[in-house]
Protein backbone atom coordinates (compact mmCIF):
# COMPACT_ATOMS: atom_id res chain seq x y z
CA MET A 1 104.80 60.58 84.93
CA ALA A 2 105.19 63.14 87.75
CA PRO A 3 108.57 64.79 88.25
CA ALA A 4 110.71 63.43 91.05
CA VAL A 5 110.57 65.44 94.26
CA ASP A 6 113.73 65.83 96.28
CA ALA A 7 113.02 64.72 99.84
CA HIS A 8 115.71 67.06 101.18
CA ALA A 9 114.52 70.19 99.38
CA VAL A 10 114.26 73.24 101.62
CA THR A 11 110.98 75.08 101.56
CA PRO A 12 110.63 78.75 102.60
CA VAL A 13 108.89 77.65 105.81
CA ASP A 14 111.78 75.32 106.67
CA ASP A 15 114.19 78.16 105.92
CA LEU A 16 112.54 80.38 108.56
CA ASN A 17 112.40 77.59 111.12
CA ASN A 18 116.10 76.80 110.77
CA PRO A 19 118.00 79.13 113.16
CA ASP A 20 121.23 78.95 111.14
CA ARG A 21 119.53 79.94 107.90
CA ALA A 22 117.49 82.67 109.61
CA ALA A 23 120.67 84.15 111.11
CA THR A 24 122.39 84.00 107.72
CA ALA A 25 119.42 85.77 106.13
CA ARG A 26 119.54 88.51 108.79
CA VAL A 27 123.26 89.05 108.29
CA ARG A 28 122.81 89.16 104.52
CA SER A 29 119.96 91.67 104.76
CA TRP A 30 121.85 93.92 107.20
CA SER A 31 124.95 93.74 105.02
CA THR A 32 122.81 94.91 102.10
CA ALA A 33 121.56 97.84 104.18
CA VAL A 34 125.11 98.73 105.22
CA LEU A 35 126.37 98.55 101.64
CA VAL A 36 123.50 100.66 100.27
CA ASN A 37 123.88 103.37 102.91
CA LEU A 38 127.66 103.58 102.71
CA THR A 39 127.39 103.82 98.93
CA LEU A 40 124.77 106.57 99.22
CA GLY A 41 127.01 108.35 101.70
CA VAL A 42 129.67 109.01 99.05
CA PRO A 43 127.51 111.35 96.94
CA GLY A 44 125.84 112.40 100.19
CA VAL A 45 128.95 114.40 101.04
CA VAL A 46 127.75 117.10 98.62
CA PRO A 47 124.39 117.83 100.33
CA VAL A 48 126.08 117.83 103.75
CA TRP A 49 128.68 120.31 102.47
CA LEU A 50 125.92 122.51 101.01
CA LEU A 51 124.09 122.55 104.34
CA TRP A 52 127.30 123.39 106.20
CA TYR A 53 128.14 126.20 103.76
CA LEU A 54 124.65 127.63 104.11
CA ALA A 55 124.78 127.45 107.92
CA VAL A 56 128.21 129.06 108.18
CA ASN A 57 127.39 131.95 105.85
CA TRP A 58 123.98 132.90 107.17
CA PRO A 59 122.66 131.89 110.59
CA LEU A 60 126.00 131.12 112.28
CA ALA A 61 127.61 134.25 110.83
CA ALA A 62 124.64 136.35 111.97
CA LEU A 63 125.08 135.00 115.50
CA GLY A 64 128.80 135.73 115.39
CA TRP A 65 129.74 132.05 115.73
CA ALA A 66 131.41 131.86 112.29
CA THR A 67 133.04 134.17 109.79
CA ARG A 68 131.12 134.78 106.58
CA GLU A 69 132.84 133.97 103.29
CA ALA A 70 134.03 137.30 101.87
CA THR A 71 132.83 136.54 98.34
CA GLU A 72 129.42 135.23 99.42
CA ASN A 73 127.13 138.04 98.31
CA ASP A 74 124.79 136.30 95.87
CA GLY A 75 121.81 136.10 98.18
CA VAL A 76 119.32 133.28 98.47
CA LEU A 77 118.50 132.70 94.79
CA PRO A 78 121.45 130.36 94.09
CA TRP A 79 120.41 128.28 97.08
CA LEU A 80 116.91 127.98 95.71
CA MET A 81 118.17 127.11 92.23
CA ILE A 82 121.01 124.72 93.15
CA GLY A 83 120.89 123.77 96.81
CA LEU A 84 117.22 122.93 97.13
CA PRO A 85 117.11 120.56 94.10
CA VAL A 86 120.32 118.80 95.18
CA LEU A 87 119.05 118.31 98.73
CA THR A 88 115.62 117.21 97.51
CA LEU A 89 116.98 114.71 94.98
CA PHE A 90 119.42 113.20 97.45
CA GLY A 91 116.78 112.94 100.17
CA LEU A 92 114.34 111.30 97.77
CA LEU A 93 116.96 108.87 96.46
CA TRP A 94 118.04 107.98 100.01
CA TRP A 95 114.47 107.44 101.18
CA LEU A 96 113.44 105.32 98.18
CA ALA A 97 116.54 103.13 98.38
CA ASN A 98 116.17 102.59 102.12
CA ARG A 99 112.46 101.96 101.89
CA ARG A 100 113.09 99.17 99.40
CA VAL A 101 115.88 97.62 101.48
CA ARG A 102 113.86 97.90 104.68
CA ARG A 103 110.84 96.20 103.12
CA SER A 104 112.99 93.27 102.05
CA MET A 105 114.39 92.74 105.55
CA ALA A 106 111.59 93.98 107.87
CA PRO A 107 113.64 95.21 110.86
CA PRO A 108 112.10 97.44 113.52
CA SER A 109 111.75 101.04 112.28
CA ARG A 110 113.16 102.57 115.43
CA LEU A 111 116.41 100.72 114.76
CA TYR A 112 116.67 100.77 110.96
CA TRP A 113 116.23 104.47 110.15
CA PRO A 114 118.74 105.90 112.67
CA VAL A 115 121.33 103.26 111.72
CA SER A 116 120.78 104.08 108.03
CA GLY A 117 121.25 107.78 108.65
CA LEU A 118 124.46 107.23 110.62
CA LEU A 119 125.84 104.86 108.00
CA THR A 120 125.13 107.42 105.28
CA ALA A 121 127.09 110.01 107.28
CA VAL A 122 130.18 107.80 107.66
CA PRO A 123 131.89 108.98 104.42
CA THR A 124 131.38 112.61 105.49
CA PHE A 125 132.89 111.91 108.93
CA VAL A 126 135.84 110.12 107.31
CA LEU A 127 136.50 113.12 105.07
CA MET A 128 136.31 115.47 108.07
CA ILE A 129 138.91 113.39 109.90
CA VAL A 130 141.21 112.92 106.92
CA LEU A 131 141.07 116.45 105.59
């Protein structure tokens, strides 16, 4: 005997054709993207701070736009040993996480990537305002 089929079961095609369910799916997918990028923004404060520290102590100090840290005399080697791996790992983690989220929701690229970058920067901006 064949199993009973529910006449009111929703198929994936019906789910896409229903405007209410499609809107709910869009909100859920964007909320996932927001959550992922805000979460990545918390450890992302460290790479942003490293870039700021590098900029203040070398190019901006050379132009006279900032004052160099008095104890900063180690040269470039610590940046190659610590800064470059931290920036590379964070960038790779951010890209892989966002690529996976973006594939699951399929928004336009010209909208998704800038929004993701700005959302990742929100914790850094909050710390700048608070501190």
